[in-house]
PDB file of N, CA and C in Angstrom:
ATOM      1  N   UNK A   1      15.827  22.014   6.751  1.00  0.00           N
ATOM      2  CA  UNK A   1      16.883  22.815   7.554  1.00  0.00           C
ATOM      3  C   UNK A   1      17.643  21.795   8.210  1.00  0.00           C
ATOM      4  N   UNK A   2      18.803  21.772   8.156  1.00  0.00           N
ATOM      5  CA  UNK A   2      19.259  20.308   9.024  1.00  0.00           C
ATOM      6  C   UNK A   2      19.789  20.733  10.388  1.00  0.00           C
ATOM      7  N   UNK A   3      19.642  19.389  11.505  1.00  0.00           N
ATOM      8  CA  UNK A   3      19.640  19.305  12.664  1.00  0.00           C
ATOM      9  C   UNK A   3      21.166  19.878  13.324  1.00  0.00           C
ATOM     10  N   UNK A   4      20.452  20.561  14.537  1.00  0.00           N
ATOM     11  CA  UNK A   4      22.118  20.612  15.201  1.00  0.00           C
ATOM     12  C   UNK A   4      22.682  19.589  15.677  1.00  0.00           C
ATOM     13  N   UNK A   5      24.237  19.790  16.142  1.00  0.00           N
ATOM     14  CA  UNK A   5      25.244  18.453  16.971  1.00  0.00           C
ATOM     15  C   UNK A   5      24.365  18.375  18.108  1.00  0.00           C
ATOM     16  N   UNK A   6      23.739  17.256  18.682  1.00  0.00           N
ATOM     17  CA  UNK A   6      23.223  17.012  20.003  1.00  0.00           C
ATOM     18  C   UNK A   6      24.099  15.380  20.488  1.00  0.00           C
ATOM     19  N   UNK A   7      24.701  15.662  21.438  1.00  0.00           N
ATOM     20  CA  UNK A   7      25.200  14.602  22.320  1.00  0.00           C
ATOM     21  C   UNK A   7      24.882  14.412  23.768  1.00  0.00           C
ATOM     22  N   UNK A   8      25.276  13.537  23.961  1.00  0.00           N
ATOM     23  CA  UNK A   8      24.820  12.675  25.956  1.00  0.00           C
ATOM     24  C   UNK A   8      26.381  12.323  25.859  1.00  0.00           C
ATOM     25  N   UNK A   9      26.540  12.860  27.429  1.00  0.00           N
ATOM     26  CA  UNK A   9      27.977  12.095  28.730  1.00  0.00           C
ATOM     27  C   UNK A   9      26.882  11.299  28.895  1.00  0.00           C
ATOM     28  N   UNK A  10      27.657  10.319  28.931  1.00  0.00           N
ATOM     29  CA  UNK A  10      27.238   8.842  29.595  1.00  0.00           C
ATOM     30  C   UNK A  10      27.946   8.691  31.365  1.00  0.00           C
ATOM     31  N   UNK A  11      26.764   8.466  31.971  1.00  0.00           N
ATOM     32  CA  UNK A  11      26.970   8.049  33.419  1.00  0.00           C
ATOM     33  C   UNK A  11      28.144   6.845  33.731  1.00  0.00           C
ATOM     34  N   UNK A  12      29.045   7.554  34.846  1.00  0.00           N
ATOM     35  CA  UNK A  12      29.317   6.331  35.278  1.00  0.00           C
ATOM     36  C   UNK A  12      29.395   5.629  36.080  1.00  0.00           C
ATOM     37  N   UNK A  13      27.808   5.460  36.319  1.00  0.00           N
ATOM     38  CA  UNK A  13      27.264   4.843  38.203  1.00  0.00           C
ATOM     39  C   UNK A  13      26.533   3.562  37.376  1.00  0.00           C
ATOM     40  N   UNK A  14      26.372   3.573  35.911  1.00  0.00           N
ATOM     41  CA  UNK A  14      25.860   2.301  35.220  1.00  0.00           C
ATOM     42  C   UNK A  14      26.978   1.524  34.780  1.00  0.00           C
ATOM     43  N   UNK A  15      26.811   0.138  34.681  1.00  0.00           N
ATOM     44  CA  UNK A  15      27.661  -0.345  34.075  1.00  0.00           C
ATOM     45  C   UNK A  15      27.935  -1.909  35.193  1.00  0.00           C
ATOM     46  N   UNK A  16      28.586  -2.889  34.232  1.00  0.00           N
ATOM     47  CA  UNK A  16      28.857  -4.101  34.938  1.00  0.00           C
ATOM     48  C   UNK A  16      30.482  -4.245  35.944  1.00  0.00           C
ATOM     49  N   UNK A  17      30.349  -5.029  36.853  1.00  0.00           N
ATOM     50  CA  UNK A  17      31.759  -5.423  37.865  1.00  0.00           C
ATOM     51  C   UNK A  17      33.003  -6.099  36.849  1.00  0.00           C
ATOM     52  N   UNK A  18      33.801  -6.709  37.455  1.00  0.00           N
ATOM     53  CA  UNK A  18      34.319  -7.339  36.713  1.00  0.00           C
ATOM     54  C   UNK A  18      35.519  -7.510  37.065  1.00  0.00           C
ATOM     55  N   UNK A  19      36.265  -8.144  36.375  1.00  0.00           N
ATOM     56  CA  UNK A  19      38.338  -7.750  36.475  1.00  0.00           C
ATOM     57  C   UNK A  19      38.560  -6.503  36.322  1.00  0.00           C
ATOM     58  N   UNK A  20      39.197  -5.697  36.458  1.00  0.00           N
ATOM     59  CA  UNK A  20      39.187  -4.166  36.502  1.00  0.00           C
ATOM     60  C   UNK A  20      38.555  -3.488  36.307  1.00  0.00           C
ATOM     61  N   UNK A  21      37.458  -3.753  37.074  1.00  0.00           N
ATOM     62  CA  UNK A  21      35.938  -3.085  36.384  1.00  0.00           C
ATOM     63  C   UNK A  21      36.547  -1.732  37.318  1.00  0.00           C
ATOM     64  N   UNK A  22      36.619  -1.809  38.496  1.00  0.00           N
ATOM     65  CA  UNK A  22      37.265  -0.384  39.247  1.00  0.00           C
ATOM     66  C   UNK A  22      38.249   0.628  38.554  1.00  0.00           C
ATOM     67  N   UNK A  23      39.307  -0.031  38.674  1.00  0.00           N
ATOM     68  CA  UNK A  23      40.203   0.610  37.701  1.00  0.00           C
ATOM     69  C   UNK A  23      40.110   1.188  36.442  1.00  0.00           C
ATOM     70  N   UNK A  24      38.869   0.688  35.378  1.00  0.00           N
ATOM     71  CA  UNK A  24      38.418   0.909  34.611  1.00  0.00           C
ATOM     72  C   UNK A  24      37.652   2.283  34.818  1.00  0.00           C
ATOM     73  N   UNK A  25      36.451   2.084  35.709  1.00  0.00           N
ATOM     74  CA  UNK A  25      35.852   3.286  35.937  1.00  0.00           C
ATOM     75  C   UNK A  25      36.272   4.077  36.746  1.00  0.00           C
ATOM     76  N   UNK A  26      37.842   4.318  37.189  1.00  0.00           N
ATOM     77  CA  UNK A  26      38.474   5.597  37.626  1.00  0.00           C
ATOM     78  C   UNK A  26      38.738   6.200  36.624  1.00  0.00           C
ATOM     79  N   UNK A  27      39.850   4.977  35.564  1.00  0.00           N
ATOM     80  CA  UNK A  27      40.007   6.245  34.593  1.00  0.00           C
ATOM     81  C   UNK A  27      38.974   6.769  33.812  1.00  0.00           C
ATOM     82  N   UNK A  28      38.035   6.359  33.510  1.00  0.00           N
ATOM     83  CA  UNK A  28      36.623   6.907  32.686  1.00  0.00           C
ATOM     84  C   UNK A  28      36.297   7.611  33.295  1.00  0.00           C
ATOM     85  N   UNK A  29      36.112   8.007  34.933  1.00  0.00           N
ATOM     86  CA  UNK A  29      35.997   9.498  35.772  1.00  0.00           C
ATOM     87  C   UNK A  29      37.275  10.181  35.460  1.00  0.00           C
ATOM     88  N   UNK A  30      38.172   9.795  35.106  1.00  0.00           N
ATOM     89  CA  UNK A  30      39.345  10.958  34.856  1.00  0.00           C
ATOM     90  C   UNK A  30      39.153  11.603  33.543  1.00  0.00           C
ATOM     91  N   UNK A  31      38.968  10.621  32.504  1.00  0.00           N
ATOM     92  CA  UNK A  31      38.429  10.921  31.349  1.00  0.00           C
ATOM     93  C   UNK A  31      37.031  12.029  30.798  1.00  0.00           C
ATOM     94  N   UNK A  32      36.420  11.452  31.737  1.00  0.00           N
ATOM     95  CA  UNK A  32      34.755  12.192  31.563  1.00  0.00           C
ATOM     96  C   UNK A  32      34.919  13.647  32.344  1.00  0.00           C
ATOM     97  N   UNK A  33      35.957  13.689  33.411  1.00  0.00           N
ATOM     98  CA  UNK A  33      36.117  15.183  33.866  1.00  0.00           C
ATOM     99  C   UNK A  33      36.630  16.265  32.574  1.00  0.00           C
ATOM    100  N   UNK A  34      38.629  15.420  32.316  1.00  0.00           N
ATOM    101  CA  UNK A  34      39.344  16.040  31.318  1.00  0.00           C
ATOM    102  C   UNK A  34      37.731  16.552  29.950  1.00  0.00           C
ATOM    103  N   UNK A  35      36.549  15.996  29.641  1.00  0.00           N
ATOM    104  CA  UNK A  35      35.709  16.017  28.910  1.00  0.00           C
ATOM    105  C   UNK A  35      34.564  17.360  29.418  1.00  0.00           C
ATOM    106  N   UNK A  36      34.574  17.241  30.682  1.00  0.00           N
ATOM    107  CA  UNK A  36      33.402  18.090  30.854  1.00  0.00           C
ATOM    108  C   UNK A  36      34.397  19.407  31.347  1.00  0.00           C
ATOM    109  N   UNK A  37      35.803  19.494  31.240  1.00  0.00           N
ATOM    110  CA  UNK A  37      36.428  20.802  31.544  1.00  0.00           C
ATOM    111  C   UNK A  37      36.677  21.019  30.331  1.00  0.00           C
ATOM    112  N   UNK A  38      37.106  20.795  29.269  1.00  0.00           N
ATOM    113  CA  UNK A  38      36.896  21.361  27.441  1.00  0.00           C
ATOM    114  C   UNK A  38      35.500  21.959  27.072  1.00  0.00           C
ATOM    115  N   UNK A  39      34.486  20.844  27.555  1.00  0.00           N
ATOM    116  CA  UNK A  39      33.183  21.392  27.434  1.00  0.00           C
ATOM    117  C   UNK A  39      32.871  22.946  28.082  1.00  0.00           C
ATOM    118  N   UNK A  40      33.323  22.823  29.354  1.00  0.00           N
ATOM    119  CA  UNK A  40      32.986  24.480  29.874  1.00  0.00           C
ATOM    120  C   UNK A  40      33.785  25.248  28.975  1.00  0.00           C
ATOM    121  N   UNK A  41      34.958  25.200  27.980  1.00  0.00           N
ATOM    122  CA  UNK A  41      35.409  26.344  27.383  1.00  0.00           C
ATOM    123  C   UNK A  41      34.973  26.624  26.631  1.00  0.00           C
ATOM    124  N   UNK A  42      33.741  25.572  25.606  1.00  0.00           N
ATOM    125  CA  UNK A  42      33.262  25.905  24.978  1.00  0.00           C
ATOM    126  C   UNK A  42      31.691  26.152  24.775  1.00  0.00           C
ATOM    127  N   UNK A  43      31.498  27.132  25.997  1.00  0.00           N
ATOM    128  CA  UNK A  43      30.168  27.810  25.657  1.00  0.00           C
ATOM    129  C   UNK A  43      29.131  28.278  24.969  1.00  0.00           C
ATOM    130  N   UNK A  44      30.294  28.877  24.255  1.00  0.00           N
ATOM    131  CA  UNK A  44      29.640  29.500  23.007  1.00  0.00           C
ATOM    132  C   UNK A  44      28.969  29.074  21.820  1.00  0.00           C
ATOM    133  N   UNK A  45      29.711  27.981  21.635  1.00  0.00           N
ATOM    134  CA  UNK A  45      29.238  27.020  20.671  1.00  0.00           C
ATOM    135  C   UNK A  45      27.917  25.990  21.263  1.00  0.00           C
ATOM    136  N   UNK A  46      27.770  25.096  22.133  1.00  0.00           N
ATOM    137  CA  UNK A  46      27.503  24.439  22.843  1.00  0.00           C
ATOM    138  C   UNK A  46      27.096  24.595  24.439  1.00  0.00           C
ATOM    139  N   UNK A  47      25.801  24.327  24.312  1.00  0.00           N
ATOM    140  CA  UNK A  47      25.047  24.342  25.550  1.00  0.00           C
ATOM    141  C   UNK A  47      24.284  23.234  26.306  1.00  0.00           C
ATOM    142  N   UNK A  48      23.933  23.244  27.593  1.00  0.00           N
ATOM    143  CA  UNK A  48      22.568  22.189  28.134  1.00  0.00           C
ATOM    144  C   UNK A  48      21.721  22.552  27.298  1.00  0.00           C
ATOM    145  N   UNK A  49      20.327  21.453  27.129  1.00  0.00           N
ATOM    146  CA  UNK A  49      19.487  21.548  27.006  1.00  0.00           C
ATOM    147  C   UNK A  49      19.021  21.857  27.954  1.00  0.00           C
ATOM    148  N   UNK A  50      17.798  23.309  27.367  1.00  0.00           N
ATOM    149  CA  UNK A  50      17.054  23.543  28.734  1.00  0.00           C
ATOM    150  C   UNK A  50      15.884  23.146  29.275  1.00  0.00           C
ATOM    151  N   UNK A  51      15.578  21.679  28.888  1.00  0.00           N
ATOM    152  CA  UNK A  51      14.501  21.072  29.442  1.00  0.00           C
ATOM    153  C   UNK A  51      14.805  19.645  29.738  1.00  0.00           C
ATOM    154  N   UNK A  52      16.480  19.067  30.508  1.00  0.00           N
ATOM    155  CA  UNK A  52      16.408  18.462  31.180  1.00  0.00           C
ATOM    156  C   UNK A  52      17.953  18.419  32.165  1.00  0.00           C
ATOM    157  N   UNK A  53      18.030  18.481  33.157  1.00  0.00           N
ATOM    158  CA  UNK A  53      18.675  18.126  34.005  1.00  0.00           C
ATOM    159  C   UNK A  53      19.726  18.037  33.608  1.00  0.00           C
ATOM    160  N   UNK A  54      20.755  19.329  34.452  1.00  0.00           N
ATOM    161  CA  UNK A  54      21.948  18.866  33.960  1.00  0.00           C
ATOM    162  C   UNK A  54      23.283  17.291  34.168  1.00  0.00           C
ATOM    163  N   UNK A  55      22.782  16.995  35.453  1.00  0.00           N
ATOM    164  CA  UNK A  55      23.143  15.654  35.041  1.00  0.00           C
ATOM    165  C   UNK A  55      22.647  14.527  33.920  1.00  0.00           C
ATOM    166  N   UNK A  56      22.312  15.083  33.588  1.00  0.00           N
ATOM    167  CA  UNK A  56      21.646  14.163  32.798  1.00  0.00           C
ATOM    168  C   UNK A  56      22.685  14.276  31.101  1.00  0.00           C
ATOM    169  N   UNK A  57      23.823  15.354  31.362  1.00  0.00           N
ATOM    170  CA  UNK A  57      24.456  15.311  30.642  1.00  0.00           C
ATOM    171  C   UNK A  57      23.899  15.274  29.042  1.00  0.00           C
ATOM    172  N   UNK A  58      23.043  16.042  28.715  1.00  0.00           N
ATOM    173  CA  UNK A  58      22.488  16.200  27.256  1.00  0.00           C
ATOM    174  C   UNK A  58      22.592  17.754  26.942  1.00  0.00           C
ATOM    175  N   UNK A  59      23.550  17.771  25.722  1.00  0.00           N
ATOM    176  CA  UNK A  59      24.047  19.287  25.263  1.00  0.00           C
ATOM    177  C   UNK A  59      23.823  19.812  23.833  1.00  0.00           C
ATOM    178  N   UNK A  60      23.635  20.432  23.399  1.00  0.00           N
ATOM    179  CA  UNK A  60      23.273  20.784  21.944  1.00  0.00           C
ATOM    180  C   UNK A  60      23.919  21.908  21.403  1.00  0.00           C
ATOM    181  N   UNK A  61      24.208  21.608  20.075  1.00  0.00           N
ATOM    182  CA  UNK A  61      25.198  22.965  19.678  1.00  0.00           C
ATOM    183  C   UNK A  61      24.622  23.927  18.841  1.00  0.00           C
ATOM    184  N   UNK A  62      25.404  25.046  18.534  1.00  0.00           N
ATOM    185  CA  UNK A  62      24.529  25.989  17.694  1.00  0.00           C
ATOM    186  C   UNK A  62      24.943  25.874  16.275  1.00  0.00           C
ATOM    187  N   UNK A  63      25.585  24.766  15.778  1.00  0.00           N
ATOM    188  CA  UNK A  63      26.129  24.072  14.484  1.00  0.00           C
ATOM    189  C   UNK A  63      25.324  22.886  13.848  1.00  0.00           C
ATOM    190  N   UNK A  64      25.320  22.269  12.485  1.00  0.00           N
ATOM    191  CA  UNK A  64      24.726  21.414  12.522  1.00  0.00           C
ATOM    192  C   UNK A  64      25.894  20.517  12.102  1.00  0.00           C
ATOM    193  N   UNK A  65      25.783  19.126  11.737  1.00  0.00           N
ATOM    194  CA  UNK A  65      27.275  18.214  11.551  1.00  0.00           C
ATOM    195  C   UNK A  65      28.096  18.768  10.574  1.00  0.00           C
ATOM    196  N   UNK A  66      27.149  19.325   9.298  1.00  0.00           N
ATOM    197  CA  UNK A  66      28.164  19.911   8.321  1.00  0.00           C
ATOM    198  C   UNK A  66      29.235  20.830   8.385  1.00  0.00           C
ATOM    199  N   UNK A  67      28.461  21.586   9.221  1.00  0.00           N
ATOM    200  CA  UNK A  67      29.480  23.150   9.228  1.00  0.00           C
ATOM    201  C   UNK A  67      30.404  23.188  10.685  1.00  0.00           C
ATOM    202  N   UNK A  68      29.997  21.578  11.351  1.00  0.00           N
ATOM    203  CA  UNK A  68      31.274  21.373  12.440  1.00  0.00           C
ATOM    204  C   UNK A  68      32.146  20.823  11.868  1.00  0.00           C
ATOM    205  N   UNK A  69      31.940  20.504  10.736  1.00  0.00           N
ATOM    206  CA  UNK A  69      33.640  19.722   9.786  1.00  0.00           C
ATOM    207  C   UNK A  69      34.044  20.967   9.075  1.00  0.00           C
ATOM    208  N   UNK A  70      33.414  21.541   8.832  1.00  0.00           N
ATOM    209  CA  UNK A  70      33.799  22.793   7.648  1.00  0.00           C
ATOM    210  C   UNK A  70      34.851  23.754   8.355  1.00  0.00           C
ATOM    211  N   UNK A  71      33.989  24.231   9.520  1.00  0.00           N
ATOM    212  CA  UNK A  71      34.651  25.703   9.964  1.00  0.00           C
ATOM    213  C   UNK A  71      35.546  25.367  10.951  1.00  0.00           C
ATOM    214  N   UNK A  72      36.395  26.174  10.825  1.00  0.00           N
ATOM    215  CA  UNK A  72      37.872  25.705  11.681  1.00  0.00           C
ATOM    216  C   UNK A  72      37.771  26.325  12.922  1.00  0.00           C
ATOM    217  N   UNK A  73      36.454  27.276  13.282  1.00  0.00           N
ATOM    218  CA  UNK A  73      36.336  27.493  14.580  1.00  0.00           C
ATOM    219  C   UNK A  73      35.729  26.782  15.398  1.00  0.00           C
ATOM    220  N   UNK A  74      35.252  25.415  14.847  1.00  0.00           N
ATOM    221  CA  UNK A  74      34.904  24.100  15.591  1.00  0.00           C
ATOM    222  C   UNK A  74      35.852  23.384  15.819  1.00  0.00           C
ATOM    223  N   UNK A  75      36.576  23.258  15.156  1.00  0.00           N
ATOM    224  CA  UNK A  75      37.822  22.278  15.388  1.00  0.00           C
ATOM    225  C   UNK A  75      37.795  21.705  16.770  1.00  0.00           C
ATOM    226  N   UNK A  76      37.791  22.596  18.172  1.00  0.00           N
ATOM    227  CA  UNK A  76      38.066  21.866  19.267  1.00  0.00           C
ATOM    228  C   UNK A  76      37.124  20.980  19.760  1.00  0.00           C
ATOM    229  N   UNK A  77      35.424  21.836  19.143  1.00  0.00           N
ATOM    230  CA  UNK A  77      34.225  20.595  19.377  1.00  0.00           C
ATOM    231  C   UNK A  77      34.203  19.333  18.825  1.00  0.00           C
ATOM    232  N   UNK A  78      34.894  19.776  17.714  1.00  0.00           N
ATOM    233  CA  UNK A  78      34.974  18.131  16.646  1.00  0.00           C
ATOM    234  C   UNK A  78      35.711  17.293  16.949  1.00  0.00           C
ATOM    235  N   UNK A  79      37.062  17.729  17.906  1.00  0.00           N
ATOM    236  CA  UNK A  79      38.088  16.680  18.717  1.00  0.00           C
ATOM    237  C   UNK A  79      37.136  16.253  19.851  1.00  0.00           C
ATOM    238  N   UNK A  80      36.544  17.368  20.493  1.00  0.00           N
ATOM    239  CA  UNK A  80      35.932  16.595  21.808  1.00  0.00           C
ATOM    240  C   UNK A  80      35.348  15.661  21.189  1.00  0.00           C
ATOM    241  N   UNK A  81      34.206  15.577  20.461  1.00  0.00           N
ATOM    242  CA  UNK A  81      33.269  14.970  20.170  1.00  0.00           C
ATOM    243  C   UNK A  81      33.843  13.463  19.697  1.00  0.00           C
ATOM    244  N   UNK A  82      34.999  13.405  18.938  1.00  0.00           N
ATOM    245  CA  UNK A  82      35.769  12.266  18.648  1.00  0.00           C
ATOM    246  C   UNK A  82      36.127  11.574  19.442  1.00  0.00           C
ATOM    247  N   UNK A  83      37.005  11.934  20.761  1.00  0.00           N
ATOM    248  CA  UNK A  83      37.557  11.839  21.697  1.00  0.00           C
ATOM    249  C   UNK A  83      36.775  11.344  22.450  1.00  0.00           C
ATOM    250  N   UNK A  84      35.480  11.728  23.154  1.00  0.00           N
ATOM    251  CA  UNK A  84      34.277  11.198  23.551  1.00  0.00           C
ATOM    252  C   UNK A  84      33.824   9.936  23.382  1.00  0.00           C
ATOM    253  N   UNK A  85      33.178  10.229  21.853  1.00  0.00           N
ATOM    254  CA  UNK A  85      32.962   8.880  21.833  1.00  0.00           C
ATOM    255  C   UNK A  85      34.024   7.328  21.348  1.00  0.00           C
ATOM    256  N   UNK A  86      34.708   8.030  20.957  1.00  0.00           N
ATOM    257  CA  UNK A  86      36.269   6.894  21.430  1.00  0.00           C
ATOM    258  C   UNK A  86      36.746   6.491  22.503  1.00  0.00           C
ATOM    259  N   UNK A  87      36.475   6.749  23.646  1.00  0.00           N
ATOM    260  CA  UNK A  87      36.772   6.184  24.616  1.00  0.00           C
ATOM    261  C   UNK A  87      35.275   6.076  25.145  1.00  0.00           C
ATOM    262  N   UNK A  88      34.151   6.182  24.626  1.00  0.00           N
ATOM    263  CA  UNK A  88      32.611   5.441  25.409  1.00  0.00           C
ATOM    264  C   UNK A  88      32.039   6.276  26.086  1.00  0.00           C
ATOM    265  N   UNK A  89      32.381   7.859  26.349  1.00  0.00           N
ATOM    266  CA  UNK A  89      31.848   8.660  27.498  1.00  0.00           C
ATOM    267  C   UNK A  89      30.669   9.099  26.531  1.00  0.00           C
ATOM    268  N   UNK A  90      30.651   9.160  25.771  1.00  0.00           N
ATOM    269  CA  UNK A  90      29.313  10.259  24.988  1.00  0.00           C
ATOM    270  C   UNK A  90      29.326   9.189  23.602  1.00  0.00           C
ATOM    271  N   UNK A  91      27.831   9.889  23.226  1.00  0.00           N
ATOM    272  CA  UNK A  91      27.333   9.409  21.877  1.00  0.00           C
ATOM    273  C   UNK A  91      26.027  10.305  21.241  1.00  0.00           C
ATOM    274  N   UNK A  92      26.413  10.414  20.185  1.00  0.00           N
ATOM    275  CA  UNK A  92      25.565  11.496  19.328  1.00  0.00           C
ATOM    276  C   UNK A  92      24.496  11.083  18.999  1.00  0.00           C
ATOM    277  N   UNK A  93      23.390  11.632  19.276  1.00  0.00           N
ATOM    278  CA  UNK A  93      22.152  11.158  18.824  1.00  0.00           C
ATOM    279  C   UNK A  93      21.203  12.656  18.584  1.00  0.00           C
ATOM    280  N   UNK A  94      20.296  12.365  17.611  1.00  0.00           N
ATOM    281  CA  UNK A  94      19.631  13.706  17.504  1.00  0.00           C
ATOM    282  C   UNK A  94      18.438  13.691  19.391  1.00  0.00           C
ATOM    283  N   UNK A  95      18.564  15.134  19.583  1.00  0.00           N
ATOM    284  CA  UNK A  95      17.514  15.398  20.722  1.00  0.00           C
ATOM    285  C   UNK A  95      16.764  14.543  21.468  1.00  0.00           C
ATOM    286  N   UNK A  96      15.648  14.521  19.938  1.00  0.00           N
ATOM    287  CA  UNK A  96      14.435  13.875  20.014  1.00  0.00           C
ATOM    288  C   UNK A  96      14.250  12.543  20.334  1.00  0.00           C
ATOM    289  N   UNK A  97      15.296  11.888  20.373  1.00  0.00           N
ATOM    290  CA  UNK A  97      15.447  10.709  20.742  1.00  0.00           C
ATOM    291  C   UNK A  97      16.000  10.331  22.351  1.00  0.00           C
ATOM    292  N   UNK A  98      16.489  11.791  22.878  1.00  0.00           N
ATOM    293  CA  UNK A  98      16.675  11.867  24.321  1.00  0.00           C
ATOM    294  C   UNK A  98      15.509  12.490  25.251  1.00  0.00           C
ATOM    295  N   UNK A  99      14.286  12.677  24.299  1.00  0.00           N
ATOM    296  CA  UNK A  99      13.363  13.556  25.632  1.00  0.00           C
ATOM    297  C   UNK A  99      12.674  12.427  26.151  1.00  0.00           C
ATOM    298  N   UNK A 100      12.483  12.777  27.671  1.00  0.00           N
ATOM    299  CA  UNK A 100      12.123  11.746  28.294  1.00  0.00           C
ATOM    300  C   UNK A 100      10.919  11.386  28.433  1.00  0.00           C
ATOM    301  N   UNK A 101      10.414   9.452  28.532  1.00  0.00           N
ATOM    302  CA  UNK A 101       8.616   9.407  28.352  1.00  0.00           C
ATOM    303  C   UNK A 101       8.377   8.999  29.432  1.00  0.00           C
TER     304      UNK A 101
END
């Protein structure tokens, strides 16, 4: 059985300083808020995993990767994931690799 789509929103508290660091962090914070707003509209197809605190930003979809690409109803989620990965605010990985140790 194919694995469901899973992803983690990155924390904005980690990372280095440097030139433009504060402005970059501010821009990333705004982008993350937009992503989280979009995510809240997709509650029927994506939800936080039950075993992790919400602050960890770990989510799991109700479909696998192939269904995500093929089903027209999942276009918003596919765009959300592509945008999030492109701007560095989330990464996609299997849920078992996100288990706390």
